Amino acid sequence: MSSTMPIMDGIEATKKLQSMGITMMIVRITTPDNNEKYHKEFMEAGRDECYEKPLTKDILQILVEKISNKV
């Protein structure tokens, strides 16, 4: 018998991770057309960063540096 995991959106997943005591950096990668209300809810859920697609080499470098500083 296989078990299935519930489907969650990013806000629910962020809240679940925090409720489990996970303290890692949470980054949202979004499309440019995502609405501002959803972005605000995501930030309030405890996300650390938000970037729009497409990711560039410069954005990836920023993320690597931020992750390196948190380790």
PDB file of N, CA and C in Angstrom:
ATOM      1  N   MET A   1       0.849  -1.170   0.000  1.00  0.00           N
ATOM      2  CA  MET A   1       0.000   0.000   0.000  1.00  0.00           C
ATOM      3  C   MET A   1       0.900   1.240   0.000  1.00  0.00           C
ATOM      4  N   SER A   2       0.655   2.163  -0.902  1.00  0.00           N
ATOM      5  CA  SER A   2       1.464   3.380  -0.949  1.00  0.00           C
ATOM      6  C   SER A   2       0.701   4.529  -0.315  1.00  0.00           C
ATOM      7  N   SER A   3       1.457   5.391   0.319  1.00  0.00           N
ATOM      8  CA  SER A   3       0.832   6.574   0.900  1.00  0.00           C
ATOM      9  C   SER A   3       1.108   7.764  -0.012  1.00  0.00           C
ATOM     10  N   THR A   4       0.186   8.669  -0.043  1.00  0.00           N
ATOM     11  CA  THR A   4       0.370   9.856  -0.868  1.00  0.00           C
ATOM     12  C   THR A   4       0.542  11.061   0.034  1.00  0.00           C
ATOM     13  N   MET A   5       1.374  11.967  -0.409  1.00  0.00           N
ATOM     14  CA  MET A   5       1.596  13.198   0.334  1.00  0.00           C
ATOM     15  C   MET A   5       0.566  14.216  -0.120  1.00  0.00           C
ATOM     16  N   PRO A   6       0.102  15.033   0.800  1.00  0.00           N
ATOM     17  CA  PRO A   6      -0.862  16.058   0.391  1.00  0.00           C
ATOM     18  C   PRO A   6      -0.205  17.080  -0.528  1.00  0.00           C
ATOM     19  N   ILE A   7      -0.970  17.616  -1.421  1.00  0.00           N
ATOM     20  CA  ILE A   7      -0.475  18.660  -2.312  1.00  0.00           C
ATOM     21  C   ILE A   7      -0.619  19.994  -1.588  1.00  0.00           C
ATOM     22  N   MET A   8       0.477  20.735  -1.525  1.00  0.00           N
ATOM     23  CA  MET A   8       0.480  22.032  -0.849  1.00  0.00           C
ATOM     24  C   MET A   8       1.000  23.098  -1.798  1.00  0.00           C
ATOM     25  N   ASP A   9       0.515  24.318  -1.600  1.00  0.00           N
ATOM     26  CA  ASP A   9       1.125  25.417  -2.336  1.00  0.00           C
ATOM     27  C   ASP A   9       2.341  25.881  -1.526  1.00  0.00           C
ATOM     28  N   GLY A  10       3.052  26.847  -2.044  1.00  0.00           N
ATOM     29  CA  GLY A  10       4.277  27.309  -1.393  1.00  0.00           C
ATOM     30  C   GLY A  10       4.060  27.888  -0.008  1.00  0.00           C
ATOM     31  N   ILE A  11       2.952  28.572   0.188  1.00  0.00           N
ATOM     32  CA  ILE A  11       2.654  29.167   1.495  1.00  0.00           C
ATOM     33  C   ILE A  11       2.429  28.061   2.518  1.00  0.00           C
ATOM     34  N   GLU A  12       1.623  27.077   2.164  1.00  0.00           N
ATOM     35  CA  GLU A  12       1.357  25.959   3.076  1.00  0.00           C
ATOM     36  C   GLU A  12       2.646  25.187   3.381  1.00  0.00           C
ATOM     37  N   ALA A  13       3.453  24.955   2.363  1.00  0.00           N
ATOM     38  CA  ALA A  13       4.698  24.212   2.554  1.00  0.00           C
ATOM     39  C   ALA A  13       5.646  24.979   3.480  1.00  0.00           C
ATOM     40  N   THR A  14       5.733  26.293   3.310  1.00  0.00           N
ATOM     41  CA  THR A  14       6.586  27.111   4.170  1.00  0.00           C
ATOM     42  C   THR A  14       6.128  27.032   5.616  1.00  0.00           C
ATOM     43  N   LYS A  15       4.829  27.176   5.849  1.00  0.00           N
ATOM     44  CA  LYS A  15       4.295  27.093   7.211  1.00  0.00           C
ATOM     45  C   LYS A  15       4.536  25.709   7.810  1.00  0.00           C
ATOM     46  N   LYS A  16       4.376  24.653   7.013  1.00  0.00           N
ATOM     47  CA  LYS A  16       4.595  23.289   7.488  1.00  0.00           C
ATOM     48  C   LYS A  16       6.050  23.084   7.885  1.00  0.00           C
ATOM     49  N   LEU A  17       6.972  23.539   7.055  1.00  0.00           N
ATOM     50  CA  LEU A  17       8.390  23.418   7.377  1.00  0.00           C
ATOM     51  C   LEU A  17       8.718  24.131   8.687  1.00  0.00           C
ATOM     52  N   GLN A  18       8.172  25.325   8.858  1.00  0.00           N
ATOM     53  CA  GLN A  18       8.432  26.064  10.091  1.00  0.00           C
ATOM     54  C   GLN A  18       7.822  25.362  11.299  1.00  0.00           C
ATOM     55  N   SER A  19       6.639  24.788  11.160  1.00  0.00           N
ATOM     56  CA  SER A  19       6.003  24.086  12.270  1.00  0.00           C
ATOM     57  C   SER A  19       6.804  22.842  12.665  1.00  0.00           C
ATOM     58  N   MET A  20       7.595  22.319  11.739  1.00  0.00           N
ATOM     59  CA  MET A  20       8.437  21.159  12.006  1.00  0.00           C
ATOM     60  C   MET A  20       9.779  21.563  12.610  1.00  0.00           C
ATOM     61  N   GLY A  21      10.000  22.864  12.771  1.00  0.00           N
ATOM     62  CA  GLY A  21      11.254  23.345  13.347  1.00  0.00           C
ATOM     63  C   GLY A  21      12.377  23.527  12.339  1.00  0.00           C
ATOM     64  N   ILE A  22      12.052  23.456  11.062  1.00  0.00           N
ATOM     65  CA  ILE A  22      13.055  23.636  10.014  1.00  0.00           C
ATOM     66  C   ILE A  22      13.422  25.119   9.955  1.00  0.00           C
ATOM     67  N   THR A  23      14.711  25.414   9.980  1.00  0.00           N
ATOM     68  CA  THR A  23      15.153  26.813   9.994  1.00  0.00           C
ATOM     69  C   THR A  23      15.997  27.188   8.778  1.00  0.00           C
ATOM     70  N   MET A  24      15.955  26.349   7.737  1.00  0.00           N
ATOM     71  CA  MET A  24      16.739  26.648   6.545  1.00  0.00           C
ATOM     72  C   MET A  24      16.189  27.871   5.802  1.00  0.00           C
ATOM     73  N   MET A  25      17.003  28.418   4.948  1.00  0.00           N
ATOM     74  CA  MET A  25      16.593  29.539   4.107  1.00  0.00           C
ATOM     75  C   MET A  25      15.540  29.060   3.112  1.00  0.00           C
ATOM     76  N   ILE A  26      14.460  29.810   2.979  1.00  0.00           N
ATOM     77  CA  ILE A  26      13.387  29.460   2.048  1.00  0.00           C
ATOM     78  C   ILE A  26      13.337  30.533   0.961  1.00  0.00           C
ATOM     79  N   VAL A  27      13.485  30.101  -0.277  1.00  0.00           N
ATOM     80  CA  VAL A  27      13.530  31.012  -1.418  1.00  0.00           C
ATOM     81  C   VAL A  27      12.390  30.683  -2.362  1.00  0.00           C
ATOM     82  N   ARG A  28      11.694  31.703  -2.795  1.00  0.00           N
ATOM     83  CA  ARG A  28      10.609  31.540  -3.764  1.00  0.00           C
ATOM     84  C   ARG A  28      11.096  31.966  -5.135  1.00  0.00           C
ATOM     85  N   ILE A  29      10.881  31.110  -6.110  1.00  0.00           N
ATOM     86  CA  ILE A  29      11.170  31.429  -7.502  1.00  0.00           C
ATOM     87  C   ILE A  29       9.823  31.507  -8.199  1.00  0.00           C
ATOM     88  N   THR A  30       9.528  32.651  -8.796  1.00  0.00           N
ATOM     89  CA  THR A  30       8.192  32.889  -9.328  1.00  0.00           C
ATOM     90  C   THR A  30       8.239  33.403 -10.761  1.00  0.00           C
ATOM     91  N   THR A  31       7.090  33.384 -11.378  1.00  0.00           N
ATOM     92  CA  THR A  31       6.966  33.986 -12.704  1.00  0.00           C
ATOM     93  C   THR A  31       6.651  35.465 -12.533  1.00  0.00           C
ATOM     94  N   PRO A  32       7.000  36.270 -13.502  1.00  0.00           N
ATOM     95  CA  PRO A  32       6.745  37.708 -13.394  1.00  0.00           C
ATOM     96  C   PRO A  32       5.264  38.070 -13.252  1.00  0.00           C
ATOM     97  N   ASP A  33       4.370  37.178 -13.640  1.00  0.00           N
ATOM     98  CA  ASP A  33       2.955  37.514 -13.608  1.00  0.00           C
ATOM     99  C   ASP A  33       2.256  37.122 -12.297  1.00  0.00           C
ATOM    100  N   ASN A  34       3.007  36.598 -11.302  1.00  0.00           N
ATOM    101  CA  ASN A  34       2.393  36.279 -10.016  1.00  0.00           C
ATOM    102  C   ASN A  34       1.873  37.550  -9.362  1.00  0.00           C
ATOM    103  N   ASN A  35       0.709  37.471  -8.725  1.00  0.00           N
ATOM    104  CA  ASN A  35       0.119  38.694  -8.199  1.00  0.00           C
ATOM    105  C   ASN A  35       0.730  39.106  -6.861  1.00  0.00           C
ATOM    106  N   GLU A  36       0.605  40.365  -6.555  1.00  0.00           N
ATOM    107  CA  GLU A  36       1.214  40.966  -5.365  1.00  0.00           C
ATOM    108  C   GLU A  36       0.625  40.418  -4.069  1.00  0.00           C
ATOM    109  N   LYS A  37      -0.659  40.089  -4.049  1.00  0.00           N
ATOM    110  CA  LYS A  37      -1.292  39.552  -2.840  1.00  0.00           C
ATOM    111  C   LYS A  37      -0.645  38.226  -2.450  1.00  0.00           C
ATOM    112  N   TYR A  38      -0.443  37.354  -3.423  1.00  0.00           N
ATOM    113  CA  TYR A  38       0.176  36.055  -3.160  1.00  0.00           C
ATOM    114  C   TYR A  38       1.615  36.253  -2.687  1.00  0.00           C
ATOM    115  N   HIS A  39       2.321  37.183  -3.295  1.00  0.00           N
ATOM    116  CA  HIS A  39       3.700  37.489  -2.890  1.00  0.00           C
ATOM    117  C   HIS A  39       3.734  37.943  -1.431  1.00  0.00           C
ATOM    118  N   LYS A  40       2.817  38.812  -1.049  1.00  0.00           N
ATOM    119  CA  LYS A  40       2.758  39.313   0.328  1.00  0.00           C
ATOM    120  C   LYS A  40       2.464  38.168   1.306  1.00  0.00           C
ATOM    121  N   GLU A  41       1.523  37.304   0.957  1.00  0.00           N
ATOM    122  CA  GLU A  41       1.188  36.154   1.811  1.00  0.00           C
ATOM    123  C   GLU A  41       2.402  35.236   1.968  1.00  0.00           C
ATOM    124  N   PHE A  42       3.143  35.073   0.908  1.00  0.00           N
ATOM    125  CA  PHE A  42       4.325  34.223   0.951  1.00  0.00           C
ATOM    126  C   PHE A  42       5.369  34.817   1.882  1.00  0.00           C
ATOM    127  N   MET A  43       5.576  36.109   1.795  1.00  0.00           N
ATOM    128  CA  MET A  43       6.547  36.780   2.669  1.00  0.00           C
ATOM    129  C   MET A  43       6.115  36.659   4.123  1.00  0.00           C
ATOM    130  N   GLU A  44       4.834  36.837   4.381  1.00  0.00           N
ATOM    131  CA  GLU A  44       4.318  36.745   5.741  1.00  0.00           C
ATOM    132  C   GLU A  44       4.419  35.324   6.293  1.00  0.00           C
ATOM    133  N   ALA A  45       4.449  34.335   5.404  1.00  0.00           N
ATOM    134  CA  ALA A  45       4.568  32.938   5.832  1.00  0.00           C
ATOM    135  C   ALA A  45       5.983  32.617   6.302  1.00  0.00           C
ATOM    136  N   GLY A  46       6.927  33.497   6.012  1.00  0.00           N
ATOM    137  CA  GLY A  46       8.273  33.294   6.512  1.00  0.00           C
ATOM    138  C   GLY A  46       9.349  33.034   5.490  1.00  0.00           C
ATOM    139  N   ARG A  47       9.081  33.356   4.266  1.00  0.00           N
ATOM    140  CA  ARG A  47      10.100  33.190   3.233  1.00  0.00           C
ATOM    141  C   ARG A  47      11.230  34.180   3.447  1.00  0.00           C
ATOM    142  N   ASP A  48      12.423  33.810   2.998  1.00  0.00           N
ATOM    143  CA  ASP A  48      13.575  34.697   3.126  1.00  0.00           C
ATOM    144  C   ASP A  48      13.812  35.556   1.885  1.00  0.00           C
ATOM    145  N   GLU A  49      13.595  34.992   0.728  1.00  0.00           N
ATOM    146  CA  GLU A  49      13.908  35.667  -0.531  1.00  0.00           C
ATOM    147  C   GLU A  49      12.864  35.344  -1.589  1.00  0.00           C
ATOM    148  N   CYS A  50      12.772  36.226  -2.592  1.00  0.00           N
ATOM    149  CA  CYS A  50      11.889  35.989  -3.724  1.00  0.00           C
ATOM    150  C   CYS A  50      12.563  36.515  -4.994  1.00  0.00           C
ATOM    151  N   TYR A  51      12.624  35.655  -6.000  1.00  0.00           N
ATOM    152  CA  TYR A  51      13.224  36.032  -7.278  1.00  0.00           C
ATOM    153  C   TYR A  51      12.290  35.634  -8.407  1.00  0.00           C
ATOM    154  N   GLU A  52      12.322  36.415  -9.464  1.00  0.00           N
ATOM    155  CA  GLU A  52      11.507  36.113 -10.642  1.00  0.00           C
ATOM    156  C   GLU A  52      12.334  35.337 -11.661  1.00  0.00           C
ATOM    157  N   LYS A  53      11.637  34.482 -12.409  1.00  0.00           N
ATOM    158  CA  LYS A  53      12.251  33.781 -13.525  1.00  0.00           C
ATOM    159  C   LYS A  53      12.446  34.772 -14.655  1.00  0.00           C
ATOM    160  N   PRO A  54      13.375  34.614 -15.498  1.00  0.00           N
ATOM    161  CA  PRO A  54      14.415  33.598 -15.468  1.00  0.00           C
ATOM    162  C   PRO A  54      15.517  33.979 -14.484  1.00  0.00           C
ATOM    163  N   LEU A  55      16.093  32.972 -13.840  1.00  0.00           N
ATOM    164  CA  LEU A  55      17.217  33.213 -12.938  1.00  0.00           C
ATOM    165  C   LEU A  55      18.462  33.477 -13.782  1.00  0.00           C
ATOM    166  N   THR A  56      19.207  34.458 -13.364  1.00  0.00           N
ATOM    167  CA  THR A  56      20.444  34.782 -14.069  1.00  0.00           C
ATOM    168  C   THR A  56      21.639  34.294 -13.252  1.00  0.00           C
ATOM    169  N   LYS A  57      22.776  34.312 -13.864  1.00  0.00           N
ATOM    170  CA  LYS A  57      24.015  33.933 -13.176  1.00  0.00           C
ATOM    171  C   LYS A  57      24.228  34.830 -11.958  1.00  0.00           C
ATOM    172  N   ASP A  58      23.931  36.123 -12.092  1.00  0.00           N
ATOM    173  CA  ASP A  58      24.110  37.064 -10.978  1.00  0.00           C
ATOM    174  C   ASP A  58      23.189  36.733  -9.803  1.00  0.00           C
ATOM    175  N   ILE A  59      21.937  36.397 -10.099  1.00  0.00           N
ATOM    176  CA  ILE A  59      20.996  36.036  -9.028  1.00  0.00           C
ATOM    177  C   ILE A  59      21.450  34.759  -8.341  1.00  0.00           C
ATOM    178  N   LEU A  60      21.865  33.775  -9.107  1.00  0.00           N
ATOM    179  CA  LEU A  60      22.351  32.529  -8.518  1.00  0.00           C
ATOM    180  C   LEU A  60      23.580  32.780  -7.647  1.00  0.00           C
ATOM    181  N   GLN A  61      24.454  33.671  -8.070  1.00  0.00           N
ATOM    182  CA  GLN A  61      25.644  34.007  -7.277  1.00  0.00           C
ATOM    183  C   GLN A  61      25.235  34.645  -5.953  1.00  0.00           C
ATOM    184  N   ILE A  62      24.240  35.536  -5.987  1.00  0.00           N
ATOM    185  CA  ILE A  62      23.729  36.169  -4.765  1.00  0.00           C
ATOM    186  C   ILE A  62      23.183  35.110  -3.814  1.00  0.00           C
ATOM    187  N   LEU A  63      22.400  34.171  -4.353  1.00  0.00           N
ATOM    188  CA  LEU A  63      21.840  33.101  -3.529  1.00  0.00           C
ATOM    189  C   LEU A  63      22.933  32.234  -2.903  1.00  0.00           C
ATOM    190  N   VAL A  64      23.931  31.873  -3.684  1.00  0.00           N
ATOM    191  CA  VAL A  64      25.032  31.054  -3.163  1.00  0.00           C
ATOM    192  C   VAL A  64      25.743  31.796  -2.031  1.00  0.00           C
ATOM    193  N   GLU A  65      25.984  33.081  -2.197  1.00  0.00           N
ATOM    194  CA  GLU A  65      26.649  33.864  -1.155  1.00  0.00           C
ATOM    195  C   GLU A  65      25.798  33.941   0.105  1.00  0.00           C
ATOM    196  N   LYS A  66      24.485  34.135  -0.041  1.00  0.00           N
ATOM    197  CA  LYS A  66      23.612  34.206   1.122  1.00  0.00           C
ATOM    198  C   LYS A  66      23.556  32.869   1.847  1.00  0.00           C
ATOM    199  N   ILE A  67      23.496  31.777   1.092  1.00  0.00           N
ATOM    200  CA  ILE A  67      23.471  30.448   1.694  1.00  0.00           C
ATOM    201  C   ILE A  67      24.809  30.186   2.410  1.00  0.00           C
ATOM    202  N   SER A  68      25.901  30.563   1.785  1.00  0.00           N
ATOM    203  CA  SER A  68      27.219  30.359   2.380  1.00  0.00           C
ATOM    204  C   SER A  68      27.365  31.117   3.693  1.00  0.00           C
ATOM    205  N   ASN A  69      26.770  32.300   3.765  1.00  0.00           N
ATOM    206  CA  ASN A  69      26.857  33.108   4.994  1.00  0.00           C
ATOM    207  C   ASN A  69      25.998  32.551   6.111  1.00  0.00           C
ATOM    208  N   LYS A  70      24.988  31.745   5.791  1.00  0.00           N
ATOM    209  CA  LYS A  70      24.100  31.171   6.805  1.00  0.00           C
ATOM    210  C   LYS A  70      24.623  29.847   7.337  1.00  0.00           C
ATOM    211  N   VAL A  71      25.606  29.270   6.667  1.00  0.00           N
ATOM    212  CA  VAL A  71      26.115  27.948   7.079  1.00  0.00           C
ATOM    213  C   VAL A  71      27.084  28.105   8.215  1.00  0.00           C
TER     214      VAL A  71
END
